[in-house]
């Protein structure tokens, strides 16, 4: 049995055999499970940093949509379990259709992050940045393919 905790698009999993909430305080199983969770959290933080950088590079004109999608797809190949979780979450939400390619899933993942850039810029009154983000969103939408909605 596995417990899954999702937060801000991050999927972390711990086996039920490792009680992370204190049944084995200080025990080897708990220490190993905590290290695993720490490693997963660090990997998640690195992916978030890379993705935020890619979104900013797209909006600033320092990256191409194809290159940015390729980088996200590369993160998926490096951590297939994470990417499978992204795919499953997006399918559950109707953001990608069943059978979507890895590039479509990667493009949709990047689109979600670009939407945050656009909304943040609009909220701050940065019309130029919001417009640049909207242009990037339009360019990536075709690569992301149709949604299941």
Foldseek 3Di string as FASTA:
>chain_A
DKDWDDDPLQIDIADPVADCPDPQPPDPSNVVRVVSRVVSVVLVVVLVVLLLVLLVCQLVVNDDLVRQLVVLLVSCVVPVVSLVSLVVVQCVVQNAPPPDDSSLSSLSVSLVSLVVQLVVCVVVVVVSSNVSSVVSSVVSVVRNDDTRD
